[in-house]
Amino acid sequence: MTDHAADLALALELADLADAVSLPRFRAIDLDVQTKPDRTHVTEADLAVERALRGRLAEVRPNDGVLGEEFGTEGDTHRQWILDPIDGTANFLRGVPVWGTLIALAVDGVPVVGVASSPAMARRWWAATGMGAWTRSSAAELGASEGASDAASGAFPDAHRLRVSGVAALGDAALSFQSLAQWRDAGYLDQLLDLAQRVWRDRAYGDLWAYMLLAEGLIDIAGEFDVKPYDLAAIVPIVEEAGGRFTSVTGDPGPWHGSALATNGLLHDAVLDVLADSAGAADAEGS
């Protein structure tokens, strides 16, 4: 197995840089907000964070490729850094603190390093393949200077290893569905309602926060539609190294399929079965 300690150290350094750029603009009264062609919002902070991260990667990893939300794809895709400068832009521009920067490294399309940094909540989560998944509060104090091996081992004074829940029955599970509109627009609203009736509790936590709650063992299922690789790539190793499972809603691995389903692993097949059975029933009714 390839050792990604140096890659993880760089990802943590990039997260420090992102926090330093984004947090001073959070709740700024003069924040510039524009509308993109797809009618989603982009702030000056989104653009500034991605520019800063791309600039640093060009200095230290000039042979690696980059895929970012705001400035697209450049370079080699064998080793590709995947960046979401501000996941939760709508929250950021409204002053809601649930947002963060997502930084991933994918090798041949497989995410092997992931960092999710949420400076407004003073939290950070990180993982690398074979090195576990970890979290720490006071995220702004993290830095590559403290060492990738320390980051992976959880040797920071207030860091602890992430582990998904041991909930094994849908009737005991907590579900986050992100947005009713996403499931409706994808044609899966009936499936969501069926799943929600089978679980113990359902909520819509949204954006990166739902997946981090799952990796911490606080909820058991999270799913959504209308997502891009930069929304998901950093999440994959964090969930998987915490012991969970990550696929599309139809069971395809990786962040490339436009939807996401993350669970504690124990529930994954059961959730896929519910969604497939509900879809089949809906098709039969419509025929």
Foldseek 3Di string as FASTA:
>chain_A
DDDCLVVQQVVLALQLVLCVQQVVCQVPPPWDWDADPVRDIDTPSQVVSVVVSVVVCCVPPVQEWEAEDPPGTDHDPQKYKFKRSKWPVVCRVVNNQPIWIWIFIDGPQATFKIKTDRVSQQKIWIFGVPLAIKMFGNSNPDHSVVGSNCVSVQVDPGMDGWAAAPDQFQQAFEEAEQDLVQCVVVVQNQLVVQSCVRHNYYYHPHQVVVLVCRRNHNGFKYKGFQDAQSSPSNSQRSLVSNQKAKAALQRHDHRHDGMIMIGNNSCVVVSSVSSVVSVVVVVVVVD
